N, C-alpha and C. Protein backbone atom coordinates (compact mmCIF):
# COMPACT_ATOMS: atom_id res chain seq x y z
N MET A 1 -29.97 -35.13 20.84
CA MET A 1 -28.90 -33.98 21.27
C MET A 1 -28.03 -33.75 19.91
N ARG A 2 -27.55 -34.90 19.56
CA ARG A 2 -26.53 -34.85 18.04
C ARG A 2 -27.47 -34.30 17.26
N ASN A 3 -28.72 -33.72 16.71
CA ASN A 3 -29.09 -33.69 16.32
C ASN A 3 -29.42 -31.82 15.96
N MET A 4 -29.34 -31.17 17.43
CA MET A 4 -29.39 -29.90 17.62
C MET A 4 -27.77 -29.52 17.58
N LYS A 5 -26.88 -29.99 18.12
CA LYS A 5 -25.80 -29.74 17.11
C LYS A 5 -25.70 -29.73 15.93
N LYS A 6 -25.39 -30.60 14.87
CA LYS A 6 -26.04 -30.50 13.31
C LYS A 6 -27.18 -29.48 13.02
N THR A 7 -28.22 -29.02 14.01
CA THR A 7 -29.00 -28.01 13.12
C THR A 7 -28.32 -26.50 13.35
N LEU A 8 -27.32 -26.65 15.12
CA LEU A 8 -27.08 -25.26 15.46
C LEU A 8 -26.04 -25.17 15.02
N ALA A 9 -24.85 -25.77 14.30
CA ALA A 9 -23.47 -25.82 13.63
C ALA A 9 -23.87 -25.35 12.41
N ALA A 10 -25.29 -25.86 11.23
CA ALA A 10 -25.27 -25.10 9.94
C ALA A 10 -25.39 -24.12 10.16
N LEU A 11 -26.70 -23.53 11.72
CA LEU A 11 -27.27 -22.80 11.33
C LEU A 11 -25.97 -21.21 10.96
N THR A 12 -25.19 -21.49 12.09
CA THR A 12 -24.03 -20.86 12.53
C THR A 12 -23.29 -20.28 10.81
N ALA A 13 -23.73 -21.75 10.30
CA ALA A 13 -22.73 -21.32 9.65
C ALA A 13 -23.43 -20.40 8.28
N VAL A 14 -24.38 -20.64 7.58
CA VAL A 14 -25.66 -19.79 7.56
C VAL A 14 -25.23 -18.40 7.89
N VAL A 15 -25.63 -18.20 9.27
CA VAL A 15 -25.36 -16.77 9.82
C VAL A 15 -24.10 -15.93 9.36
N SER A 16 -22.64 -17.05 9.84
CA SER A 16 -21.87 -16.42 8.82
C SER A 16 -21.68 -16.33 7.58
N LEU A 17 -21.39 -16.64 6.64
CA LEU A 17 -22.11 -16.73 5.51
C LEU A 17 -22.50 -15.44 4.61
N SER A 18 -23.10 -15.01 6.02
CA SER A 18 -24.52 -13.79 5.85
C SER A 18 -23.94 -12.64 5.99
N LEU A 19 -23.20 -13.16 7.01
CA LEU A 19 -22.07 -11.51 7.97
C LEU A 19 -21.15 -11.36 6.80
N PHE A 20 -20.22 -12.68 6.83
CA PHE A 20 -19.20 -12.33 6.11
C PHE A 20 -20.11 -11.71 3.99
N SER A 21 -20.90 -11.91 3.23
CA SER A 21 -21.38 -11.65 2.38
C SER A 21 -22.35 -9.97 2.93
N MET A 22 -22.87 -9.65 3.64
CA MET A 22 -22.71 -8.37 4.11
C MET A 22 -21.21 -7.61 4.74
N GLY A 23 -20.44 -8.23 4.55
CA GLY A 23 -19.32 -7.14 5.41
C GLY A 23 -18.69 -7.47 3.90
N ALA A 24 -18.76 -7.48 2.61
CA ALA A 24 -17.48 -7.24 1.58
C ALA A 24 -18.82 -6.73 0.98
N ALA A 25 -20.27 -6.78 0.95
CA ALA A 25 -20.70 -5.60 -0.11
C ALA A 25 -20.73 -3.95 0.53
N ALA A 26 -20.72 -4.37 2.25
CA ALA A 26 -20.16 -2.74 2.54
C ALA A 26 -18.89 -1.73 2.35
N GLU A 27 -18.19 -3.22 2.17
CA GLU A 27 -17.00 -2.54 1.90
C GLU A 27 -16.86 -1.82 0.62
N ALA A 28 -17.13 -2.51 -0.32
CA ALA A 28 -17.67 -2.05 -1.10
C ALA A 28 -18.35 0.15 -1.42
N ALA A 29 -17.77 0.77 -1.63
CA ALA A 29 -18.14 2.33 -1.70
C ALA A 29 -18.93 3.33 -2.61
N THR A 30 -19.94 4.10 -2.45
CA THR A 30 -19.81 4.84 -4.12
C THR A 30 -19.45 6.08 -3.70
N TYR A 31 -18.86 6.59 -4.52
CA TYR A 31 -17.67 8.16 -5.14
C TYR A 31 -18.62 8.41 -6.25
N GLN A 32 -19.71 9.95 -5.64
CA GLN A 32 -20.58 10.75 -7.32
C GLN A 32 -19.21 12.07 -7.48
N VAL A 33 -18.61 11.85 -8.59
CA VAL A 33 -17.77 12.67 -9.25
C VAL A 33 -18.18 14.11 -9.42
N LYS A 34 -17.51 14.72 -8.39
CA LYS A 34 -17.77 16.13 -8.82
C LYS A 34 -16.36 17.09 -9.87
N THR A 35 -16.82 18.43 -10.06
CA THR A 35 -15.97 18.91 -11.38
C THR A 35 -14.70 19.06 -10.63
N GLY A 36 -13.83 18.49 -11.13
CA GLY A 36 -11.97 18.67 -11.05
C GLY A 36 -11.54 17.36 -10.23
N ASP A 37 -12.91 16.27 -10.14
CA ASP A 37 -11.98 15.13 -9.78
C ASP A 37 -11.02 14.50 -11.06
N THR A 38 -9.73 13.78 -10.72
CA THR A 38 -10.03 12.77 -11.75
C THR A 38 -9.74 11.85 -10.62
N MET A 39 -9.33 10.55 -11.85
CA MET A 39 -9.29 9.20 -11.30
C MET A 39 -8.50 9.08 -10.33
N TRP A 40 -7.48 9.49 -10.93
CA TRP A 40 -5.60 9.69 -9.67
C TRP A 40 -6.20 10.59 -8.52
N GLY A 41 -7.20 11.38 -8.48
CA GLY A 41 -7.14 12.16 -7.00
C GLY A 41 -7.97 10.92 -6.15
N ILE A 42 -9.06 10.65 -6.98
CA ILE A 42 -9.68 10.14 -6.16
C ILE A 42 -9.42 8.12 -5.33
N ALA A 43 -8.88 8.05 -6.19
CA ALA A 43 -8.23 6.55 -6.01
C ALA A 43 -7.00 6.94 -5.51
N SER A 44 -6.52 7.89 -4.72
CA SER A 44 -5.28 8.73 -3.70
C SER A 44 -6.31 9.29 -2.65
N LYS A 45 -7.81 9.58 -2.86
CA LYS A 45 -7.60 9.63 -1.34
C LYS A 45 -8.84 8.24 -1.15
N TYR A 46 -9.14 7.52 -1.29
CA TYR A 46 -8.93 6.11 -1.22
C TYR A 46 -7.97 4.86 -0.94
N GLY A 47 -6.73 5.70 -1.22
CA GLY A 47 -5.73 4.44 -0.85
C GLY A 47 -6.10 3.03 -2.01
N VAL A 48 -6.52 3.49 -3.15
CA VAL A 48 -6.44 1.91 -4.09
C VAL A 48 -6.40 2.56 -4.84
N PRO A 49 -5.72 1.08 -6.27
CA PRO A 49 -4.76 1.35 -6.90
C PRO A 49 -5.65 2.15 -7.74
N VAL A 50 -4.92 3.13 -8.84
CA VAL A 50 -5.77 3.21 -10.75
C VAL A 50 -6.43 2.62 -10.91
N THR A 51 -5.23 1.18 -11.51
CA THR A 51 -6.19 0.29 -12.32
C THR A 51 -7.36 -0.19 -11.86
N GLU A 52 -7.26 -0.59 -10.38
CA GLU A 52 -7.93 -0.76 -9.48
C GLU A 52 -9.45 -0.33 -9.66
N LEU A 53 -9.19 1.00 -9.63
CA LEU A 53 -10.77 1.54 -10.16
C LEU A 53 -11.49 1.61 -11.01
N LYS A 54 -10.40 1.41 -12.08
CA LYS A 54 -11.00 1.59 -13.99
C LYS A 54 -11.10 0.25 -13.68
N LYS A 55 -10.76 -1.01 -13.63
CA LYS A 55 -10.86 -2.07 -13.18
C LYS A 55 -12.51 -2.05 -13.31
N VAL A 56 -12.57 -2.25 -11.64
CA VAL A 56 -13.70 -2.11 -11.07
C VAL A 56 -15.25 -1.69 -11.71
N ASN A 57 -14.80 -0.50 -12.38
CA ASN A 57 -16.13 0.36 -12.99
C ASN A 57 -16.05 0.58 -14.25
N ASN A 58 -15.86 -0.59 -14.84
CA ASN A 58 -15.11 -1.21 -16.05
C ASN A 58 -14.67 -0.03 -17.52
N ARG A 59 -13.74 0.70 -17.13
CA ARG A 59 -13.52 2.30 -17.45
C ARG A 59 -12.45 2.11 -18.27
N THR A 60 -12.16 1.83 -18.91
CA THR A 60 -10.55 2.04 -20.10
C THR A 60 -10.26 3.20 -20.37
N SER A 61 -10.63 4.52 -19.93
CA SER A 61 -10.11 5.68 -19.72
C SER A 61 -10.24 5.90 -18.34
N THR A 62 -9.33 7.03 -17.91
CA THR A 62 -9.69 8.04 -16.84
C THR A 62 -10.80 9.21 -17.01
N LEU A 63 -11.41 9.12 -18.43
CA LEU A 63 -11.99 10.85 -17.96
C LEU A 63 -13.19 9.96 -17.22
N LEU A 64 -13.42 10.85 -16.91
CA LEU A 64 -15.05 11.39 -15.68
C LEU A 64 -15.71 12.59 -16.23
N TYR A 65 -17.19 12.77 -16.20
CA TYR A 65 -17.89 13.58 -15.47
C TYR A 65 -18.56 13.84 -14.81
N PRO A 66 -19.02 14.78 -14.35
CA PRO A 66 -19.82 15.74 -13.00
C PRO A 66 -21.23 14.74 -13.13
N GLY A 67 -20.89 13.74 -11.17
CA GLY A 67 -22.39 13.16 -11.16
C GLY A 67 -22.46 11.89 -11.48
N GLN A 68 -21.56 11.64 -12.31
CA GLN A 68 -21.46 9.64 -12.62
C GLN A 68 -20.90 9.25 -11.19
N LYS A 69 -21.81 8.33 -11.31
CA LYS A 69 -21.04 7.83 -9.96
C LYS A 69 -20.33 6.86 -10.45
N LEU A 70 -18.93 6.63 -9.33
CA LEU A 70 -17.59 5.70 -9.04
C LEU A 70 -18.36 4.55 -8.01
N THR A 71 -17.65 3.19 -8.26
CA THR A 71 -17.94 2.23 -6.70
C THR A 71 -16.54 1.72 -6.83
N ILE A 72 -16.31 1.40 -5.75
CA ILE A 72 -14.90 2.65 -4.84
C ILE A 72 -14.12 1.00 -4.86
N PRO A 73 -13.35 0.40 -4.79
CA PRO A 73 -13.04 -0.95 -4.53
C PRO A 73 -12.33 -1.47 -3.37
N ALA A 74 -12.99 -1.61 -2.54
CA ALA A 74 -11.98 -2.50 -0.92
C ALA A 74 -10.62 -2.41 -0.80
N VAL A 75 -10.37 -1.99 0.27
CA VAL A 75 -9.09 -1.90 -0.03
C VAL A 75 -8.32 -2.66 0.43
N SER A 76 -7.36 -2.28 -0.54
CA SER A 76 -6.27 -3.95 -0.10
C SER A 76 -5.33 -4.27 0.67
N VAL A 77 -5.39 -3.21 1.78
CA VAL A 77 -4.33 -2.92 2.73
C VAL A 77 -4.94 -2.18 3.43
N SER A 78 -4.66 -3.14 5.16
CA SER A 78 -5.70 -2.96 6.25
C SER A 78 -5.02 -1.27 6.72
N ALA A 79 -5.83 -1.38 7.76
CA ALA A 79 -5.57 -0.23 8.10
C ALA A 79 -4.80 0.46 8.71
N ALA A 80 -4.31 -0.65 9.59
CA ALA A 80 -3.20 -0.90 10.34
C ALA A 80 -1.96 -1.34 9.34
N ASP A 81 -1.41 -1.64 8.77
CA ASP A 81 -0.25 -1.86 7.74
C ASP A 81 -0.22 -0.72 7.12
N GLN A 82 -1.33 0.58 6.72
CA GLN A 82 -1.04 1.94 5.97
C GLN A 82 -0.07 2.08 6.67
N ASP A 83 -0.26 2.55 8.48
CA ASP A 83 -0.69 3.23 9.69
C ASP A 83 1.04 2.83 9.58
N LEU A 84 1.25 1.20 9.87
CA LEU A 84 3.12 0.45 9.66
C LEU A 84 4.21 1.06 8.30
N LEU A 85 3.63 1.40 7.51
CA LEU A 85 3.81 1.18 6.52
C LEU A 85 3.93 3.15 6.31
N ALA A 86 3.00 4.34 6.97
CA ALA A 86 2.59 5.75 6.70
C ALA A 86 5.17 5.66 8.04
N ARG A 87 4.43 4.92 8.73
CA ARG A 87 5.16 4.78 10.21
C ARG A 87 6.83 4.63 9.53
N LEU A 88 6.93 4.41 8.60
CA LEU A 88 8.40 3.92 8.07
C LEU A 88 8.74 4.91 7.13
N VAL A 89 7.81 5.15 6.78
CA VAL A 89 7.65 5.99 4.47
C VAL A 89 8.24 7.40 6.17
N HIS A 90 7.58 7.82 6.46
CA HIS A 90 8.24 8.63 8.13
C HIS A 90 10.03 9.21 8.21
N ALA A 91 9.85 7.36 9.03
CA ALA A 91 11.32 7.48 9.63
C ALA A 91 12.21 7.78 8.64
N GLU A 92 11.81 6.78 7.43
CA GLU A 92 12.35 6.56 5.99
C GLU A 92 13.24 8.24 5.67
N ALA A 93 12.03 8.59 5.47
CA ALA A 93 11.79 9.68 4.97
C ALA A 93 11.78 11.36 4.78
N LYS A 94 11.97 11.11 6.00
CA LYS A 94 12.20 12.65 7.13
C LYS A 94 12.98 13.65 6.10
N GLY A 95 12.66 15.11 5.56
CA GLY A 95 13.68 15.46 4.90
C GLY A 95 13.99 15.37 3.52
N GLU A 96 12.89 14.62 3.04
CA GLU A 96 12.99 14.18 1.51
C GLU A 96 12.15 14.93 0.79
N PRO A 97 11.91 15.21 -0.37
CA PRO A 97 10.34 15.42 -1.32
C PRO A 97 9.81 14.64 -0.91
N TYR A 98 8.48 15.21 -0.76
CA TYR A 98 7.04 14.20 -0.96
C TYR A 98 7.26 13.29 -2.30
N ALA A 99 7.55 13.27 -3.25
CA ALA A 99 7.82 12.67 -4.22
C ALA A 99 9.41 10.86 -3.47
N GLY A 100 10.23 11.19 -2.87
CA GLY A 100 10.60 10.24 -2.47
C GLY A 100 10.01 9.61 -1.39
N LYS A 101 8.89 10.61 -0.96
CA LYS A 101 8.17 9.65 0.45
C LYS A 101 6.96 8.57 -1.03
N VAL A 102 6.43 9.43 -1.26
CA VAL A 102 6.42 8.39 -2.37
C VAL A 102 6.94 6.74 -2.94
N ALA A 103 7.59 7.27 -3.43
CA ALA A 103 8.53 6.18 -3.63
C ALA A 103 9.09 5.05 -2.21
N VAL A 104 9.29 5.47 -1.54
CA VAL A 104 9.52 4.78 -0.59
C VAL A 104 8.39 3.87 -0.09
N ALA A 105 7.41 4.30 -0.38
CA ALA A 105 5.76 3.44 0.31
C ALA A 105 5.99 2.43 -0.63
N THR A 106 5.92 2.77 -2.07
CA THR A 106 6.10 2.45 -4.08
C THR A 106 7.32 0.52 -3.47
N VAL A 107 8.21 1.22 -3.04
CA VAL A 107 9.50 -0.13 -3.03
C VAL A 107 8.41 -1.13 -1.99
N VAL A 108 8.08 -0.27 -0.71
CA VAL A 108 7.72 -1.72 -0.26
C VAL A 108 6.65 -2.30 -0.64
N LEU A 109 5.73 -1.63 -0.96
CA LEU A 109 4.33 -2.45 -1.86
C LEU A 109 4.91 -3.33 -3.49
N ASN A 110 5.84 -2.89 -3.39
CA ASN A 110 6.60 -3.77 -4.33
C ASN A 110 7.38 -4.67 -4.23
N ARG A 111 7.69 -4.80 -3.20
CA ARG A 111 8.57 -6.12 -2.75
C ARG A 111 7.36 -7.20 -2.23
N VAL A 112 6.16 -6.29 -2.00
CA VAL A 112 4.70 -7.39 -1.10
C VAL A 112 4.27 -8.21 -2.32
N ALA A 113 4.46 -7.73 -3.45
CA ALA A 113 4.07 -8.18 -5.12
C ALA A 113 5.08 -9.24 -5.55
N SER A 114 6.21 -8.96 -4.42
CA SER A 114 7.34 -10.04 -5.80
C SER A 114 7.22 -11.08 -4.95
N PRO A 115 7.91 -12.12 -5.88
CA PRO A 115 7.99 -13.67 -4.88
C PRO A 115 8.99 -13.07 -4.18
N ASP A 116 10.18 -12.29 -4.00
CA ASP A 116 11.19 -12.64 -3.63
C ASP A 116 11.90 -12.07 -2.87
N PHE A 117 10.35 -12.17 -1.66
CA PHE A 117 10.08 -10.57 -0.59
C PHE A 117 8.51 -11.24 0.58
N PRO A 118 9.02 -11.35 1.57
CA PRO A 118 7.65 -11.26 1.81
C PRO A 118 5.90 -11.05 1.61
N ASN A 119 4.43 -11.70 1.49
CA ASN A 119 3.77 -11.28 1.27
C ASN A 119 2.74 -10.02 1.79
N THR A 120 2.89 -9.19 2.80
CA THR A 120 2.43 -8.50 2.81
C THR A 120 3.59 -7.25 3.40
N VAL A 121 2.43 -6.16 4.01
CA VAL A 121 3.34 -4.81 4.13
C VAL A 121 4.50 -5.24 5.35
N ARG A 122 3.71 -6.33 6.75
CA ARG A 122 3.95 -6.18 7.55
C ARG A 122 5.66 -7.20 7.95
N GLY A 123 5.30 -8.48 6.85
CA GLY A 123 6.58 -9.04 6.35
C GLY A 123 7.60 -8.41 5.98
N VAL A 124 7.44 -7.25 5.04
CA VAL A 124 7.94 -6.73 4.50
C VAL A 124 8.93 -5.90 5.21
N VAL A 125 8.14 -5.04 6.12
CA VAL A 125 9.30 -4.33 6.76
C VAL A 125 9.41 -5.37 7.68
N TYR A 126 9.68 -5.81 8.79
CA TYR A 126 10.51 -6.78 9.66
C TYR A 126 11.22 -7.86 9.09
N GLU A 127 10.82 -7.48 7.44
CA GLU A 127 12.65 -8.58 7.50
C GLU A 127 13.38 -8.73 7.99
N LYS A 128 14.18 -9.36 8.71
CA LYS A 128 15.16 -10.30 8.93
C LYS A 128 15.83 -10.42 7.53
N ALA A 129 16.92 -11.04 7.26
CA ALA A 129 18.45 -11.53 6.30
C ALA A 129 19.39 -11.07 6.71
N ASN A 130 20.36 -12.50 6.80
CA ASN A 130 21.07 -12.81 7.01
C ASN A 130 22.27 -11.47 9.06
N GLY A 131 21.00 -11.06 9.26
CA GLY A 131 20.86 -10.95 10.35
C GLY A 131 20.55 -9.82 10.81
N TYR A 132 20.27 -8.79 9.51
CA TYR A 132 20.42 -7.41 9.33
C TYR A 132 18.67 -7.45 8.28
N TYR A 133 18.28 -6.37 9.87
CA TYR A 133 17.33 -5.95 9.39
C TYR A 133 17.13 -4.97 8.00
N ALA A 134 15.61 -5.24 6.61
CA ALA A 134 15.72 -4.53 6.04
C ALA A 134 15.51 -3.53 5.42
N PHE A 135 15.38 -2.77 6.98
CA PHE A 135 15.07 -1.05 6.92
C PHE A 135 15.61 -0.69 8.10
N THR A 136 16.55 -0.06 8.80
CA THR A 136 17.37 0.78 9.60
C THR A 136 16.16 1.53 11.11
N PRO A 137 14.81 1.99 10.33
CA PRO A 137 14.26 2.81 11.47
C PRO A 137 13.50 1.48 12.28
N VAL A 138 13.43 -0.08 11.71
CA VAL A 138 12.85 -1.00 12.06
C VAL A 138 13.78 -1.48 13.13
N LYS A 139 15.44 -1.34 13.43
CA LYS A 139 16.41 -1.22 13.98
C LYS A 139 16.39 -0.35 14.81
N ASN A 140 17.14 0.11 14.71
CA ASN A 140 16.87 1.72 16.03
C ASN A 140 15.44 2.03 16.31
N GLY A 141 14.45 1.97 16.51
CA GLY A 141 13.31 1.69 16.46
C GLY A 141 12.55 3.15 16.47
N ALA A 142 12.76 3.79 14.76
CA ALA A 142 12.14 5.40 15.31
C ALA A 142 10.63 4.53 14.45
N ILE A 143 10.65 3.60 14.00
CA ILE A 143 9.23 2.76 12.99
C ILE A 143 8.54 2.85 14.11
N ASN A 144 8.49 3.40 15.58
CA ASN A 144 7.83 3.14 16.54
C ASN A 144 6.82 4.64 16.74
N LYS A 145 7.15 5.46 16.43
CA LYS A 145 7.55 7.06 16.82
C LYS A 145 5.98 6.96 15.20
N PRO A 146 5.05 8.02 15.51
CA PRO A 146 3.98 8.10 14.55
C PRO A 146 4.28 8.77 13.32
N ALA A 147 3.72 8.61 12.56
CA ALA A 147 3.72 9.00 11.45
C ALA A 147 3.28 10.49 11.32
N ASP A 148 3.19 11.40 10.43
CA ASP A 148 3.30 12.96 10.19
C ASP A 148 2.16 12.90 9.09
N ALA A 149 1.14 14.17 8.88
CA ALA A 149 0.16 13.54 7.70
C ALA A 149 0.95 13.36 6.46
N GLU A 150 2.06 14.82 5.51
CA GLU A 150 1.73 14.08 4.69
C GLU A 150 2.64 12.77 4.39
N ALA A 151 3.08 12.19 5.16
CA ALA A 151 3.29 9.88 4.96
C ALA A 151 2.34 9.40 4.80
N LYS A 152 1.31 9.82 5.64
CA LYS A 152 0.61 9.13 5.35
C LYS A 152 -0.09 9.50 3.84
N LYS A 153 0.04 10.33 3.83
CA LYS A 153 -0.92 10.83 2.59
C LYS A 153 -0.01 10.45 1.33
N ALA A 154 1.53 10.51 1.47
CA ALA A 154 2.33 9.56 0.31
C ALA A 154 2.22 7.75 0.40
N VAL A 155 1.50 6.86 1.47
CA VAL A 155 1.11 6.08 1.40
C VAL A 155 -0.07 6.20 0.49
N LYS A 156 -0.93 6.61 0.54
CA LYS A 156 -2.22 6.21 0.04
C LYS A 156 -1.17 6.91 -1.10
N GLU A 157 -1.31 7.77 -2.22
CA GLU A 157 -0.77 8.29 -3.05
C GLU A 157 -0.21 6.59 -3.67
N ALA A 158 1.01 5.76 -3.20
CA ALA A 158 1.71 4.94 -3.41
C ALA A 158 0.16 3.72 -3.58
N LEU A 159 -0.82 4.00 -3.03
CA LEU A 159 -1.74 2.64 -3.16
C LEU A 159 -2.40 2.83 -4.11
N ALA A 160 -2.18 4.34 -4.66
CA ALA A 160 -3.18 4.47 -6.00
C ALA A 160 -1.74 4.61 -6.34
N PHE A 161 -0.80 4.71 -7.19
CA PHE A 161 0.26 4.09 -8.16
C PHE A 161 0.45 3.20 -8.12
N ARG A 162 -0.02 1.52 -7.53
CA ARG A 162 0.31 0.79 -7.11
C ARG A 162 0.76 -0.26 -8.80
N GLY A 163 1.49 -1.03 -9.10
CA GLY A 163 1.59 -1.45 -10.01
C GLY A 163 1.71 -1.12 -11.67
N GLN A 164 2.02 0.50 -11.13
CA GLN A 164 2.73 1.36 -13.04
C GLN A 164 3.51 1.79 -12.78
N GLY A 165 3.90 1.23 -12.11
CA GLY A 165 6.30 2.05 -11.53
C GLY A 165 6.59 1.65 -12.20
N SER A 166 8.08 1.63 -12.33
CA SER A 166 9.43 1.53 -12.30
C SER A 166 10.24 -0.44 -11.88
N GLY A 167 9.12 -0.52 -11.12
CA GLY A 167 9.46 -2.07 -10.23
C GLY A 167 10.57 -1.56 -9.46
N SER A 168 11.13 -1.05 -8.41
CA SER A 168 12.17 -0.12 -7.73
C SER A 168 11.54 -1.53 -6.31
N LEU A 169 12.61 -2.31 -6.12
CA LEU A 169 11.88 -3.06 -5.24
C LEU A 169 13.10 -3.07 -3.47
N PHE A 170 13.93 -1.86 -4.20
CA PHE A 170 15.88 -1.13 -2.99
C PHE A 170 15.37 0.38 -3.38
N PHE A 171 16.26 1.38 -2.39
CA PHE A 171 16.46 2.80 -1.68
C PHE A 171 17.59 2.99 -1.19
N PHE A 172 18.50 3.37 -1.84
CA PHE A 172 19.34 3.46 -0.34
C PHE A 172 19.75 5.44 -0.32
N ASN A 173 21.10 5.51 0.45
CA ASN A 173 21.68 7.34 0.29
C ASN A 173 22.66 6.21 -0.23
N PRO A 174 23.47 6.93 -1.16
CA PRO A 174 24.84 6.43 -2.03
C PRO A 174 25.66 6.94 -0.36
N LYS A 175 25.03 8.00 -0.41
CA LYS A 175 26.84 9.42 0.41
C LYS A 175 26.89 8.37 2.20
N THR A 176 26.17 7.64 2.43
CA THR A 176 25.55 7.13 3.59
C THR A 176 25.80 5.05 3.57
N ALA A 177 25.47 4.42 2.24
CA ALA A 177 25.73 3.83 2.45
C ALA A 177 26.78 2.45 2.51
N VAL A 178 26.94 1.51 2.70
CA VAL A 178 27.73 0.59 3.33
C VAL A 178 27.50 -0.71 2.95
N SER A 179 26.83 -0.97 1.61
CA SER A 179 27.30 -2.07 1.46
C SER A 179 26.58 -2.30 -0.81
N LYS A 180 28.40 -2.94 -0.50
CA LYS A 180 28.76 -2.77 -2.21
C LYS A 180 27.55 -3.48 -2.90
N TRP A 181 27.21 -4.38 -2.57
CA TRP A 181 25.91 -4.74 -3.22
C TRP A 181 24.29 -3.62 -4.29
N VAL A 182 23.99 -3.17 -3.17
CA VAL A 182 22.91 -2.19 -3.12
C VAL A 182 23.56 -1.44 -4.37
N PHE A 183 25.21 -0.97 -4.34
CA PHE A 183 25.19 -0.16 -5.55
C PHE A 183 24.72 -0.81 -7.20
N SER A 184 25.33 -2.41 -7.65
CA SER A 184 25.36 -3.09 -8.31
C SER A 184 23.67 -3.03 -9.15
N ARG A 185 22.58 -3.55 -8.18
CA ARG A 185 22.11 -2.98 -9.12
C ARG A 185 21.79 -1.76 -9.61
N GLU A 186 20.46 -2.69 -10.31
CA GLU A 186 19.60 -0.92 -11.69
C GLU A 186 18.92 0.40 -11.02
N VAL A 187 20.02 1.50 -11.15
CA VAL A 187 18.85 2.57 -10.76
C VAL A 187 18.00 3.43 -11.98
N THR A 188 17.02 2.62 -11.38
CA THR A 188 15.43 3.66 -11.52
C THR A 188 15.34 4.84 -11.71
N VAL A 189 15.43 6.19 -10.97
CA VAL A 189 15.77 6.58 -10.78
C VAL A 189 15.59 7.49 -8.66
N THR A 190 16.52 8.76 -9.23
CA THR A 190 16.55 9.40 -8.01
C THR A 190 15.92 10.70 -7.04
N ILE A 191 15.76 10.50 -6.13
CA ILE A 191 14.70 11.73 -5.69
C ILE A 191 15.50 11.92 -4.81
N GLY A 192 15.61 13.24 -4.87
CA GLY A 192 16.25 13.40 -2.96
C GLY A 192 17.86 13.50 -3.12
N ASN A 193 17.63 12.66 -1.78
CA ASN A 193 18.82 11.95 -1.20
C ASN A 193 19.17 10.17 -1.57
N HIS A 194 17.95 9.57 -2.05
CA HIS A 194 17.78 8.32 -2.23
C HIS A 194 17.46 8.31 -3.53
N ARG A 195 18.32 6.72 -3.62
CA ARG A 195 18.32 6.35 -5.39
C ARG A 195 17.68 4.88 -5.33
N PHE A 196 17.32 4.95 -6.05
CA PHE A 196 16.22 3.81 -5.48
C PHE A 196 16.40 3.34 -7.01
N ALA A 197 16.01 1.70 -6.37
CA ALA A 197 16.10 0.36 -8.17
C ALA A 197 16.12 -0.46 -7.60
N LYS A 198 15.87 -1.38 -8.87
CA LYS A 198 15.80 -2.92 -8.72
C LYS A 198 17.07 -3.83 -8.93
């Protein structure tokens, strides 16, 4: 009985490793370049960073040729986290220019990459410090409303842009912000009604 348990455990480990390997291989996709495609457009479509797309394909340039095949790396942000991020973008940047929506998503991704914030999208979105939520839509429940197509597209673009921006970690509306501290941050860009800062 003891040997049977050991054999069963070993067999389970081998099957698990095989399934894990197959899952990892299945995550990588191949894309055939069409006329008019750009590295940026392909990265945005799949929600992967341009830098990662170039790295996986051993590219130093963004020059593409029709018919060329590219390996699309596995997406590093889950579909559930992309949806959560899109709902935050929709709630925070409704009525703002598209570039502002991309920038809001980029702030969250920059926070995930920063050692000063939680290291997951979910952790950043739901972060509460000193009794205050980091994002108003979490406090008022707007985070629970579905995102529109533009917010979802903005998230994909922010994922493609990942690691290439000015490092914004905050955004605020200077007309409605009550925190004096946020005004002390270095402004990186102003888009619509939002100022972005680090």
